Amino acid sequence: MSVINRKLGVKLKHFRNLNGYSLSEVRLMVGKSKSAIHAYEQGKVSISIDTLVELCNVYGINYVDLLRDVNI
């Protein structure tokens, strides 16, 4: 598990919770499995830029802003 994936996952989970979405709701909106969304949030797997942009659109945030402080 990389530090970048973990930091990004924490932020994704924060914005999902801020929007009041369950994993199941997000799963339906982006066409990924519930376990995939959970794995992204846990930093267990790398997320593609396409999926990242989709999630950011669902959460109403700009992906550049999300990535701004996600570095090692």
Protein backbone atom coordinates (compact mmCIF):
# COMPACT_ATOMS: atom_id res chain seq x y z
CA MET A 1 0.00 0.00 0.00
CA SER A 2 1.63 3.24 -1.11
CA VAL A 3 1.55 6.44 0.89
CA ILE A 4 -0.05 8.25 -2.05
CA ASN A 5 -2.85 5.69 -2.40
CA ARG A 6 -3.51 5.85 1.33
CA LYS A 7 -3.65 9.68 1.40
CA LEU A 8 -5.88 9.77 -1.65
CA GLY A 9 -8.15 7.12 -0.14
CA VAL A 10 -8.58 9.09 3.08
CA LYS A 11 -9.63 12.15 1.06
CA LEU A 12 -12.01 10.18 -1.13
CA LYS A 13 -13.70 8.67 1.92
CA HIS A 14 -13.94 12.11 3.52
CA PHE A 15 -15.72 13.58 0.50
CA ARG A 16 -18.02 10.56 0.18
CA ASN A 17 -19.05 10.95 3.81
CA LEU A 18 -19.33 14.73 3.45
CA ASN A 19 -21.82 14.17 0.63
CA GLY A 20 -23.69 11.58 2.70
CA TYR A 21 -23.22 8.75 0.20
CA SER A 22 -22.93 5.10 1.08
CA LEU A 23 -20.51 2.81 -0.73
CA SER A 24 -23.50 1.23 -2.47
CA GLU A 25 -24.75 4.59 -3.74
CA VAL A 26 -21.34 5.54 -5.11
CA ARG A 27 -21.01 2.11 -6.68
CA LEU A 28 -24.15 2.72 -8.70
CA MET A 29 -23.09 6.23 -9.75
CA VAL A 30 -19.66 5.26 -11.10
CA GLY A 31 -20.26 1.69 -12.22
CA LYS A 32 -17.64 0.10 -9.97
CA SER A 33 -18.13 -2.58 -7.36
CA LYS A 34 -18.66 -1.70 -3.72
CA SER A 35 -15.45 -3.56 -2.89
CA ALA A 36 -13.51 -1.53 -5.48
CA ILE A 37 -14.71 1.78 -4.00
CA HIS A 38 -13.77 0.50 -0.53
CA ALA A 39 -10.34 -0.61 -1.77
CA TYR A 40 -9.70 2.86 -3.24
CA GLU A 41 -10.65 4.47 0.07
CA GLN A 42 -8.38 2.10 2.00
CA GLY A 43 -5.49 2.81 -0.36
CA LYS A 44 -5.20 -0.89 -1.19
CA VAL A 45 -5.34 -0.39 -4.96
CA SER A 46 -4.35 2.40 -7.31
CA ILE A 47 -7.18 4.32 -8.89
CA SER A 48 -7.25 5.19 -12.59
CA ILE A 49 -7.49 8.84 -13.55
CA ASP A 50 -10.83 8.12 -15.26
CA THR A 51 -12.33 6.69 -12.07
CA LEU A 52 -10.80 9.47 -9.98
CA VAL A 53 -12.41 12.11 -12.20
CA GLU A 54 -15.75 10.27 -12.05
CA LEU A 55 -15.64 10.17 -8.25
CA CYS A 56 -14.67 13.84 -8.07
CA ASN A 57 -17.62 14.72 -10.31
CA VAL A 58 -19.96 12.73 -8.07
CA TYR A 59 -18.56 14.48 -4.97
CA GLY A 60 -18.61 17.92 -6.58
CA ILE A 61 -14.89 18.55 -6.25
CA ASN A 62 -12.11 19.32 -8.69
CA TYR A 63 -9.62 16.47 -9.08
CA VAL A 64 -6.72 18.95 -9.20
CA ASP A 65 -7.74 20.29 -5.79
CA LEU A 66 -8.05 16.74 -4.46
CA LEU A 67 -4.56 15.86 -5.64
CA ARG A 68 -2.97 19.13 -4.53
CA ASP A 69 -1.49 17.88 -1.27
CA VAL A 70 -1.40 14.16 -2.04
CA ASN A 71 2.33 13.62 -2.39
CA ILE A 72 5.11 11.89 -0.53
